[in-house]
Amino acid sequence: YLVLAFFSASCVWVLLRAEFLAIT
């Protein structure tokens, strides 16, 4: 479930146009 939370947070970062943070 924590992996799913991290993946959802990375999707939010992508929507905020912070691609580097999402990939990291």
mmCIF file of all heavy atoms, coordinates in Angstrom:
data_MODEL
# 
_entry.id   MODEL 
# 
loop_
_atom_site.group_PDB 
_atom_site.id 
_atom_site.type_symbol 
_atom_site.label_atom_id 
_atom_site.label_alt_id 
_atom_site.label_comp_id 
_atom_site.label_asym_id 
_atom_site.label_entity_id 
_atom_site.label_seq_id 
_atom_site.pdbx_PDB_ins_code 
_atom_site.Cartn_x 
_atom_site.Cartn_y 
_atom_site.Cartn_z 
_atom_site.occupancy 
_atom_site.B_iso_or_equiv 
_atom_site.pdbx_formal_charge 
_atom_site.auth_seq_id 
_atom_site.auth_comp_id 
_atom_site.auth_asym_id 
_atom_site.auth_atom_id 
_atom_site.pdbx_PDB_model_num 
ATOM 1   N N   . TYR A 1 1  ? 0.833  -1.209 0.000   1.00 0.00 ? 1  TYR A N   1 
ATOM 2   C CA  . TYR A 1 1  ? 0.000  0.000  0.000   1.00 0.00 ? 1  TYR A CA  1 
ATOM 3   C C   . TYR A 1 1  ? 0.868  1.260  0.000   1.00 0.00 ? 1  TYR A C   1 
ATOM 4   O O   . TYR A 1 1  ? 0.498  2.277  -0.607  1.00 0.00 ? 1  TYR A O   1 
ATOM 5   C CB  . TYR A 1 1  ? -0.919 -0.003 1.214   1.00 0.00 ? 1  TYR A CB  1 
ATOM 6   C CG  . TYR A 1 1  ? -2.144 -0.875 1.061   1.00 0.00 ? 1  TYR A CG  1 
ATOM 7   C CD1 . TYR A 1 1  ? -2.386 -1.934 1.922   1.00 0.00 ? 1  TYR A CD1 1 
ATOM 8   C CD2 . TYR A 1 1  ? -3.062 -0.647 0.029   1.00 0.00 ? 1  TYR A CD2 1 
ATOM 9   C CE1 . TYR A 1 1  ? -3.505 -2.742 1.783   1.00 0.00 ? 1  TYR A CE1 1 
ATOM 10  C CE2 . TYR A 1 1  ? -4.182 -1.445 -0.123  1.00 0.00 ? 1  TYR A CE2 1 
ATOM 11  C CZ  . TYR A 1 1  ? -4.398 -2.497 0.763   1.00 0.00 ? 1  TYR A CZ  1 
ATOM 12  O OH  . TYR A 1 1  ? -5.503 -3.294 0.604   1.00 0.00 ? 1  TYR A OH  1 
ATOM 13  N N   . LEU A 1 2  ? 2.017  1.195  0.651   1.00 0.00 ? 2  LEU A N   1 
ATOM 14  C CA  . LEU A 1 2  ? 2.916  2.347  0.635   1.00 0.00 ? 2  LEU A CA  1 
ATOM 15  C C   . LEU A 1 2  ? 3.503  2.580  -0.761  1.00 0.00 ? 2  LEU A C   1 
ATOM 16  O O   . LEU A 1 2  ? 3.707  3.721  -1.174  1.00 0.00 ? 2  LEU A O   1 
ATOM 17  C CB  . LEU A 1 2  ? 4.034  2.139  1.652   1.00 0.00 ? 2  LEU A CB  1 
ATOM 18  C CG  . LEU A 1 2  ? 4.935  3.326  1.951   1.00 0.00 ? 2  LEU A CG  1 
ATOM 19  C CD1 . LEU A 1 2  ? 4.114  4.519  2.427   1.00 0.00 ? 2  LEU A CD1 1 
ATOM 20  C CD2 . LEU A 1 2  ? 5.980  2.965  2.992   1.00 0.00 ? 2  LEU A CD2 1 
ATOM 21  N N   . VAL A 1 3  ? 3.749  1.499  -1.492  1.00 0.00 ? 3  VAL A N   1 
ATOM 22  C CA  . VAL A 1 3  ? 4.183  1.628  -2.887  1.00 0.00 ? 3  VAL A CA  1 
ATOM 23  C C   . VAL A 1 3  ? 3.108  2.322  -3.718  1.00 0.00 ? 3  VAL A C   1 
ATOM 24  O O   . VAL A 1 3  ? 3.396  3.203  -4.542  1.00 0.00 ? 3  VAL A O   1 
ATOM 25  C CB  . VAL A 1 3  ? 4.515  0.243  -3.470  1.00 0.00 ? 3  VAL A CB  1 
ATOM 26  C CG1 . VAL A 1 3  ? 4.724  0.319  -4.977  1.00 0.00 ? 3  VAL A CG1 1 
ATOM 27  C CG2 . VAL A 1 3  ? 5.758  -0.324 -2.807  1.00 0.00 ? 3  VAL A CG2 1 
ATOM 28  N N   . LEU A 1 4  ? 1.849  1.935  -3.497  1.00 0.00 ? 4  LEU A N   1 
ATOM 29  C CA  . LEU A 1 4  ? 0.748  2.597  -4.202  1.00 0.00 ? 4  LEU A CA  1 
ATOM 30  C C   . LEU A 1 4  ? 0.656  4.073  -3.835  1.00 0.00 ? 4  LEU A C   1 
ATOM 31  O O   . LEU A 1 4  ? 0.386  4.927  -4.697  1.00 0.00 ? 4  LEU A O   1 
ATOM 32  C CB  . LEU A 1 4  ? -0.564 1.885  -3.882  1.00 0.00 ? 4  LEU A CB  1 
ATOM 33  C CG  . LEU A 1 4  ? -1.841 2.452  -4.535  1.00 0.00 ? 4  LEU A CG  1 
ATOM 34  C CD1 . LEU A 1 4  ? -1.728 2.418  -6.056  1.00 0.00 ? 4  LEU A CD1 1 
ATOM 35  C CD2 . LEU A 1 4  ? -3.065 1.680  -4.071  1.00 0.00 ? 4  LEU A CD2 1 
ATOM 36  N N   . ALA A 1 5  ? 0.911  4.400  -2.569  1.00 0.00 ? 5  ALA A N   1 
ATOM 37  C CA  . ALA A 1 5  ? 0.881  5.804  -2.146  1.00 0.00 ? 5  ALA A CA  1 
ATOM 38  C C   . ALA A 1 5  ? 1.995  6.604  -2.817  1.00 0.00 ? 5  ALA A C   1 
ATOM 39  O O   . ALA A 1 5  ? 1.772  7.733  -3.285  1.00 0.00 ? 5  ALA A O   1 
ATOM 40  C CB  . ALA A 1 5  ? 1.003  5.882  -0.619  1.00 0.00 ? 5  ALA A CB  1 
ATOM 41  N N   . PHE A 1 6  ? 3.182  6.031  -2.891  1.00 0.00 ? 6  PHE A N   1 
ATOM 42  C CA  . PHE A 1 6  ? 4.281  6.715  -3.568  1.00 0.00 ? 6  PHE A CA  1 
ATOM 43  C C   . PHE A 1 6  ? 3.988  6.915  -5.056  1.00 0.00 ? 6  PHE A C   1 
ATOM 44  O O   . PHE A 1 6  ? 4.300  7.972  -5.620  1.00 0.00 ? 6  PHE A O   1 
ATOM 45  C CB  . PHE A 1 6  ? 5.577  5.923  -3.397  1.00 0.00 ? 6  PHE A CB  1 
ATOM 46  C CG  . PHE A 1 6  ? 6.159  6.022  -2.015  1.00 0.00 ? 6  PHE A CG  1 
ATOM 47  C CD1 . PHE A 1 6  ? 6.896  4.974  -1.490  1.00 0.00 ? 6  PHE A CD1 1 
ATOM 48  C CD2 . PHE A 1 6  ? 5.968  7.152  -1.240  1.00 0.00 ? 6  PHE A CD2 1 
ATOM 49  C CE1 . PHE A 1 6  ? 7.435  5.062  -0.218  1.00 0.00 ? 6  PHE A CE1 1 
ATOM 50  C CE2 . PHE A 1 6  ? 6.500  7.251  0.027   1.00 0.00 ? 6  PHE A CE2 1 
ATOM 51  C CZ  . PHE A 1 6  ? 7.234  6.197  0.544   1.00 0.00 ? 6  PHE A CZ  1 
ATOM 52  N N   . PHE A 1 7  ? 3.404  5.907  -5.681  1.00 0.00 ? 7  PHE A N   1 
ATOM 53  C CA  . PHE A 1 7  ? 3.083  6.030  -7.104  1.00 0.00 ? 7  PHE A CA  1 
ATOM 54  C C   . PHE A 1 7  ? 2.030  7.108  -7.342  1.00 0.00 ? 7  PHE A C   1 
ATOM 55  O O   . PHE A 1 7  ? 2.121  7.886  -8.300  1.00 0.00 ? 7  PHE A O   1 
ATOM 56  C CB  . PHE A 1 7  ? 2.592  4.682  -7.635  1.00 0.00 ? 7  PHE A CB  1 
ATOM 57  C CG  . PHE A 1 7  ? 2.298  4.691  -9.104  1.00 0.00 ? 7  PHE A CG  1 
ATOM 58  C CD1 . PHE A 1 7  ? 3.325  4.662  -10.038 1.00 0.00 ? 7  PHE A CD1 1 
ATOM 59  C CD2 . PHE A 1 7  ? 0.984  4.727  -9.551  1.00 0.00 ? 7  PHE A CD2 1 
ATOM 60  C CE1 . PHE A 1 7  ? 3.045  4.673  -11.396 1.00 0.00 ? 7  PHE A CE1 1 
ATOM 61  C CE2 . PHE A 1 7  ? 0.699  4.739  -10.900 1.00 0.00 ? 7  PHE A CE2 1 
ATOM 62  C CZ  . PHE A 1 7  ? 1.738  4.712  -11.830 1.00 0.00 ? 7  PHE A CZ  1 
ATOM 63  N N   . SER A 1 8  ? 1.032  7.185  -6.465  1.00 0.00 ? 8  SER A N   1 
ATOM 64  C CA  . SER A 1 8  ? 0.015  8.228  -6.600  1.00 0.00 ? 8  SER A CA  1 
ATOM 65  C C   . SER A 1 8  ? 0.616  9.616  -6.375  1.00 0.00 ? 8  SER A C   1 
ATOM 66  O O   . SER A 1 8  ? 0.268  10.575 -7.072  1.00 0.00 ? 8  SER A O   1 
ATOM 67  C CB  . SER A 1 8  ? -1.115 7.979  -5.603  1.00 0.00 ? 8  SER A CB  1 
ATOM 68  O OG  . SER A 1 8  ? -1.703 6.706  -5.816  1.00 0.00 ? 8  SER A OG  1 
ATOM 69  N N   . ALA A 1 9  ? 1.547  9.708  -5.411  1.00 0.00 ? 9  ALA A N   1 
ATOM 70  C CA  . ALA A 1 9  ? 2.207  10.994 -5.176  1.00 0.00 ? 9  ALA A CA  1 
ATOM 71  C C   . ALA A 1 9  ? 3.060  11.410 -6.376  1.00 0.00 ? 9  ALA A C   1 
ATOM 72  O O   . ALA A 1 9  ? 3.119  12.598 -6.727  1.00 0.00 ? 9  ALA A O   1 
ATOM 73  C CB  . ALA A 1 9  ? 3.070  10.910 -3.920  1.00 0.00 ? 9  ALA A CB  1 
ATOM 74  N N   . SER A 1 10 ? 3.705  10.448 -7.023  1.00 0.00 ? 10 SER A N   1 
ATOM 75  C CA  . SER A 1 10 ? 4.479  10.782 -8.219  1.00 0.00 ? 10 SER A CA  1 
ATOM 76  C C   . SER A 1 10 ? 3.576  11.251 -9.354  1.00 0.00 ? 10 SER A C   1 
ATOM 77  O O   . SER A 1 10 ? 3.958  12.157 -10.121 1.00 0.00 ? 10 SER A O   1 
ATOM 78  C CB  . SER A 1 10 ? 5.287  9.564  -8.656  1.00 0.00 ? 10 SER A CB  1 
ATOM 79  O OG  . SER A 1 10 ? 4.435  8.502  -9.066  1.00 0.00 ? 10 SER A OG  1 
ATOM 80  N N   . CYS A 1 11 ? 2.389  10.688 -9.461  1.00 0.00 ? 11 CYS A N   1 
ATOM 81  C CA  . CYS A 1 11 ? 1.433  11.171 -10.475 1.00 0.00 ? 11 CYS A CA  1 
ATOM 82  C C   . CYS A 1 11 ? 1.003  12.610 -10.188 1.00 0.00 ? 11 CYS A C   1 
ATOM 83  O O   . CYS A 1 11 ? 0.838  13.412 -11.119 1.00 0.00 ? 11 CYS A O   1 
ATOM 84  C CB  . CYS A 1 11 ? 0.218  10.246 -10.525 1.00 0.00 ? 11 CYS A CB  1 
ATOM 85  S SG  . CYS A 1 11 ? 0.564  8.574  -11.121 1.00 0.00 ? 11 CYS A SG  1 
ATOM 86  N N   . VAL A 1 12 ? 0.832  12.929 -8.922  1.00 0.00 ? 12 VAL A N   1 
ATOM 87  C CA  . VAL A 1 12 ? 0.499  14.313 -8.558  1.00 0.00 ? 12 VAL A CA  1 
ATOM 88  C C   . VAL A 1 12 ? 1.646  15.254 -8.928  1.00 0.00 ? 12 VAL A C   1 
ATOM 89  O O   . VAL A 1 12 ? 1.427  16.370 -9.413  1.00 0.00 ? 12 VAL A O   1 
ATOM 90  C CB  . VAL A 1 12 ? 0.158  14.394 -7.055  1.00 0.00 ? 12 VAL A CB  1 
ATOM 91  C CG1 . VAL A 1 12 ? -0.046 15.844 -6.624  1.00 0.00 ? 12 VAL A CG1 1 
ATOM 92  C CG2 . VAL A 1 12 ? -1.092 13.583 -6.757  1.00 0.00 ? 12 VAL A CG2 1 
ATOM 93  N N   . TRP A 1 13 ? 2.894  14.790 -8.716  1.00 0.00 ? 13 TRP A N   1 
ATOM 94  C CA  . TRP A 1 13 ? 4.042  15.607 -9.104  1.00 0.00 ? 13 TRP A CA  1 
ATOM 95  C C   . TRP A 1 13 ? 4.084  15.835 -10.617 1.00 0.00 ? 13 TRP A C   1 
ATOM 96  O O   . TRP A 1 13 ? 4.467  16.924 -11.075 1.00 0.00 ? 13 TRP A O   1 
ATOM 97  C CB  . TRP A 1 13 ? 5.345  14.932 -8.654  1.00 0.00 ? 13 TRP A CB  1 
ATOM 98  C CG  . TRP A 1 13 ? 5.665  15.108 -7.201  1.00 0.00 ? 13 TRP A CG  1 
ATOM 99  C CD1 . TRP A 1 13 ? 5.722  14.143 -6.248  1.00 0.00 ? 13 TRP A CD1 1 
ATOM 100 C CD2 . TRP A 1 13 ? 5.982  16.328 -6.530  1.00 0.00 ? 13 TRP A CD2 1 
ATOM 101 N NE1 . TRP A 1 13 ? 6.034  14.670 -5.028  1.00 0.00 ? 13 TRP A NE1 1 
ATOM 102 C CE2 . TRP A 1 13 ? 6.213  16.026 -5.174  1.00 0.00 ? 13 TRP A CE2 1 
ATOM 103 C CE3 . TRP A 1 13 ? 6.091  17.657 -6.944  1.00 0.00 ? 13 TRP A CE3 1 
ATOM 104 C CZ2 . TRP A 1 13 ? 6.542  16.984 -4.238  1.00 0.00 ? 13 TRP A CZ2 1 
ATOM 105 C CZ3 . TRP A 1 13 ? 6.423  18.618 -6.004  1.00 0.00 ? 13 TRP A CZ3 1 
ATOM 106 C CH2 . TRP A 1 13 ? 6.643  18.288 -4.677  1.00 0.00 ? 13 TRP A CH2 1 
ATOM 107 N N   . VAL A 1 14 ? 3.704  14.835 -11.366 1.00 0.00 ? 14 VAL A N   1 
ATOM 108 C CA  . VAL A 1 14 ? 3.670  14.993 -12.826 1.00 0.00 ? 14 VAL A CA  1 
ATOM 109 C C   . VAL A 1 14 ? 2.635  16.038 -13.225 1.00 0.00 ? 14 VAL A C   1 
ATOM 110 O O   . VAL A 1 14 ? 2.864  16.863 -14.122 1.00 0.00 ? 14 VAL A O   1 
ATOM 111 C CB  . VAL A 1 14 ? 3.389  13.643 -13.505 1.00 0.00 ? 14 VAL A CB  1 
ATOM 112 C CG1 . VAL A 1 14 ? 3.123  13.824 -14.997 1.00 0.00 ? 14 VAL A CG1 1 
ATOM 113 C CG2 . VAL A 1 14 ? 4.559  12.698 -13.314 1.00 0.00 ? 14 VAL A CG2 1 
ATOM 114 N N   . LEU A 1 15 ? 1.475  16.008 -12.561 1.00 0.00 ? 15 LEU A N   1 
ATOM 115 C CA  . LEU A 1 15 ? 0.458  17.017 -12.851 1.00 0.00 ? 15 LEU A CA  1 
ATOM 116 C C   . LEU A 1 15 ? 0.934  18.425 -12.502 1.00 0.00 ? 15 LEU A C   1 
ATOM 117 O O   . LEU A 1 15 ? 0.508  19.402 -13.132 1.00 0.00 ? 15 LEU A O   1 
ATOM 118 C CB  . LEU A 1 15 ? -0.828 16.696 -12.086 1.00 0.00 ? 15 LEU A CB  1 
ATOM 119 C CG  . LEU A 1 15 ? -1.553 15.405 -12.503 1.00 0.00 ? 15 LEU A CG  1 
ATOM 120 C CD1 . LEU A 1 15 ? -2.770 15.182 -11.616 1.00 0.00 ? 15 LEU A CD1 1 
ATOM 121 C CD2 . LEU A 1 15 ? -1.977 15.471 -13.962 1.00 0.00 ? 15 LEU A CD2 1 
ATOM 122 N N   . LEU A 1 16 ? 1.803  18.535 -11.519 1.00 0.00 ? 16 LEU A N   1 
ATOM 123 C CA  . LEU A 1 16 ? 2.357  19.835 -11.139 1.00 0.00 ? 16 LEU A CA  1 
ATOM 124 C C   . LEU A 1 16 ? 3.572  20.223 -11.975 1.00 0.00 ? 16 LEU A C   1 
ATOM 125 O O   . LEU A 1 16 ? 4.260  21.194 -11.653 1.00 0.00 ? 16 LEU A O   1 
ATOM 126 C CB  . LEU A 1 16 ? 2.735  19.827 -9.656  1.00 0.00 ? 16 LEU A CB  1 
ATOM 127 C CG  . LEU A 1 16 ? 1.579  19.674 -8.668  1.00 0.00 ? 16 LEU A CG  1 
ATOM 128 C CD1 . LEU A 1 16 ? 2.099  19.577 -7.251  1.00 0.00 ? 16 LEU A CD1 1 
ATOM 129 C CD2 . LEU A 1 16 ? 0.614  20.844 -8.810  1.00 0.00 ? 16 LEU A CD2 1 
ATOM 130 N N   . ARG A 1 17 ? 3.873  19.434 -13.000 1.00 0.00 ? 17 ARG A N   1 
ATOM 131 C CA  . ARG A 1 17 ? 4.981  19.686 -13.930 1.00 0.00 ? 17 ARG A CA  1 
ATOM 132 C C   . ARG A 1 17 ? 6.339  19.621 -13.237 1.00 0.00 ? 17 ARG A C   1 
ATOM 133 O O   . ARG A 1 17 ? 7.258  20.356 -13.569 1.00 0.00 ? 17 ARG A O   1 
ATOM 134 C CB  . ARG A 1 17 ? 4.810  21.035 -14.627 1.00 0.00 ? 17 ARG A CB  1 
ATOM 135 C CG  . ARG A 1 17 ? 3.570  21.113 -15.517 1.00 0.00 ? 17 ARG A CG  1 
ATOM 136 C CD  . ARG A 1 17 ? 3.485  22.461 -16.197 1.00 0.00 ? 17 ARG A CD  1 
ATOM 137 N NE  . ARG A 1 17 ? 2.287  22.536 -17.049 1.00 0.00 ? 17 ARG A NE  1 
ATOM 138 C CZ  . ARG A 1 17 ? 1.952  23.600 -17.767 1.00 0.00 ? 17 ARG A CZ  1 
ATOM 139 N NH1 . ARG A 1 17 ? 2.742  24.678 -17.762 1.00 0.00 ? 17 ARG A NH1 1 
ATOM 140 N NH2 . ARG A 1 17 ? 0.853  23.600 -18.501 1.00 0.00 ? 17 ARG A NH2 1 
ATOM 141 N N   . ALA A 1 18 ? 6.448  18.735 -12.274 1.00 0.00 ? 18 ALA A N   1 
ATOM 142 C CA  . ALA A 1 18 ? 7.730  18.465 -11.606 1.00 0.00 ? 18 ALA A CA  1 
ATOM 143 C C   . ALA A 1 18 ? 8.138  17.036 -11.960 1.00 0.00 ? 18 ALA A C   1 
ATOM 144 O O   . ALA A 1 18 ? 8.042  16.115 -11.138 1.00 0.00 ? 18 ALA A O   1 
ATOM 145 C CB  . ALA A 1 18 ? 7.613  18.649 -10.099 1.00 0.00 ? 18 ALA A CB  1 
ATOM 146 N N   . GLU A 1 19 ? 8.576  16.856 -13.202 1.00 0.00 ? 19 GLU A N   1 
ATOM 147 C CA  . GLU A 1 19 ? 8.869  15.518 -13.699 1.00 0.00 ? 19 GLU A CA  1 
ATOM 148 C C   . GLU A 1 19 ? 10.059 14.892 -12.985 1.00 0.00 ? 19 GLU A C   1 
ATOM 149 O O   . GLU A 1 19 ? 10.078 13.670 -12.743 1.00 0.00 ? 19 GLU A O   1 
ATOM 150 C CB  . GLU A 1 19 ? 9.128  15.554 -15.208 1.00 0.00 ? 19 GLU A CB  1 
ATOM 151 C CG  . GLU A 1 19 ? 7.943  16.006 -16.046 1.00 0.00 ? 19 GLU A CG  1 
ATOM 152 C CD  . GLU A 1 19 ? 7.844  17.515 -16.144 1.00 0.00 ? 19 GLU A CD  1 
ATOM 153 O OE1 . GLU A 1 19 ? 8.757  18.182 -15.598 1.00 0.00 ? 19 GLU A OE1 1 
ATOM 154 O OE2 . GLU A 1 19 ? 6.878  18.016 -16.755 1.00 0.00 ? 19 GLU A OE2 1 
ATOM 155 N N   . PHE A 1 20 ? 11.050 15.702 -12.648 1.00 0.00 ? 20 PHE A N   1 
ATOM 156 C CA  . PHE A 1 20 ? 12.241 15.163 -11.989 1.00 0.00 ? 20 PHE A CA  1 
ATOM 157 C C   . PHE A 1 20 ? 11.892 14.587 -10.614 1.00 0.00 ? 20 PHE A C   1 
ATOM 158 O O   . PHE A 1 20 ? 12.358 13.500 -10.247 1.00 0.00 ? 20 PHE A O   1 
ATOM 159 C CB  . PHE A 1 20 ? 13.297 16.261 -11.855 1.00 0.00 ? 20 PHE A CB  1 
ATOM 160 C CG  . PHE A 1 20 ? 14.529 15.815 -11.137 1.00 0.00 ? 20 PHE A CG  1 
ATOM 161 C CD1 . PHE A 1 20 ? 15.475 15.035 -11.779 1.00 0.00 ? 20 PHE A CD1 1 
ATOM 162 C CD2 . PHE A 1 20 ? 14.754 16.182 -9.817  1.00 0.00 ? 20 PHE A CD2 1 
ATOM 163 C CE1 . PHE A 1 20 ? 16.618 14.616 -11.119 1.00 0.00 ? 20 PHE A CE1 1 
ATOM 164 C CE2 . PHE A 1 20 ? 15.886 15.761 -9.148  1.00 0.00 ? 20 PHE A CE2 1 
ATOM 165 C CZ  . PHE A 1 20 ? 16.828 14.976 -9.799  1.00 0.00 ? 20 PHE A CZ  1 
ATOM 166 N N   . LEU A 1 21 ? 11.083 15.296 -9.848  1.00 0.00 ? 21 LEU A N   1 
ATOM 167 C CA  . LEU A 1 21 ? 10.677 14.790 -8.538  1.00 0.00 ? 21 LEU A CA  1 
ATOM 168 C C   . LEU A 1 21 ? 9.837  13.525 -8.658  1.00 0.00 ? 21 LEU A C   1 
ATOM 169 O O   . LEU A 1 21 ? 9.945  12.606 -7.829  1.00 0.00 ? 21 LEU A O   1 
ATOM 170 C CB  . LEU A 1 21 ? 9.912  15.872 -7.782  1.00 0.00 ? 21 LEU A CB  1 
ATOM 171 C CG  . LEU A 1 21 ? 10.710 17.115 -7.373  1.00 0.00 ? 21 LEU A CG  1 
ATOM 172 C CD1 . LEU A 1 21 ? 9.796  18.114 -6.679  1.00 0.00 ? 21 LEU A CD1 1 
ATOM 173 C CD2 . LEU A 1 21 ? 11.876 16.735 -6.482  1.00 0.00 ? 21 LEU A CD2 1 
ATOM 174 N N   . ALA A 1 22 ? 8.984  13.463 -9.685  1.00 0.00 ? 22 ALA A N   1 
ATOM 175 C CA  . ALA A 1 22 ? 8.148  12.282 -9.875  1.00 0.00 ? 22 ALA A CA  1 
ATOM 176 C C   . ALA A 1 22 ? 8.995  11.053 -10.194 1.00 0.00 ? 22 ALA A C   1 
ATOM 177 O O   . ALA A 1 22 ? 8.802  9.975  -9.608  1.00 0.00 ? 22 ALA A O   1 
ATOM 178 C CB  . ALA A 1 22 ? 7.136  12.536 -10.992 1.00 0.00 ? 22 ALA A CB  1 
ATOM 179 N N   . ILE A 1 23 ? 9.952  11.192 -11.095 1.00 0.00 ? 23 ILE A N   1 
ATOM 180 C CA  . ILE A 1 23 ? 10.814 10.071 -11.447 1.00 0.00 ? 23 ILE A CA  1 
ATOM 181 C C   . ILE A 1 23 ? 11.700 9.671  -10.273 1.00 0.00 ? 23 ILE A C   1 
ATOM 182 O O   . ILE A 1 23 ? 11.932 8.476  -10.005 1.00 0.00 ? 23 ILE A O   1 
ATOM 183 C CB  . ILE A 1 23 ? 11.666 10.421 -12.686 1.00 0.00 ? 23 ILE A CB  1 
ATOM 184 C CG1 . ILE A 1 23 ? 10.760 10.664 -13.890 1.00 0.00 ? 23 ILE A CG1 1 
ATOM 185 C CG2 . ILE A 1 23 ? 12.653 9.316  -12.985 1.00 0.00 ? 23 ILE A CG2 1 
ATOM 186 C CD1 . ILE A 1 23 ? 9.924  9.471  -14.287 1.00 0.00 ? 23 ILE A CD1 1 
ATOM 187 N N   . THR A 1 24 ? 12.190 10.663 -9.531  1.00 0.00 ? 24 THR A N   1 
ATOM 188 C CA  . THR A 1 24 ? 13.015 10.363 -8.358  1.00 0.00 ? 24 THR A CA  1 
ATOM 189 C C   . THR A 1 24 ? 12.222 9.620  -7.299  1.00 0.00 ? 24 THR A C   1 
ATOM 190 O O   . THR A 1 24 ? 12.732 8.680  -6.658  1.00 0.00 ? 24 THR A O   1 
ATOM 191 C CB  . THR A 1 24 ? 13.585 11.663 -7.770  1.00 0.00 ? 24 THR A CB  1 
ATOM 192 O OG1 . THR A 1 24 ? 14.295 12.363 -8.785  1.00 0.00 ? 24 THR A OG1 1 
ATOM 193 C CG2 . THR A 1 24 ? 14.511 11.374 -6.604  1.00 0.00 ? 24 THR A CG2 1 
# 
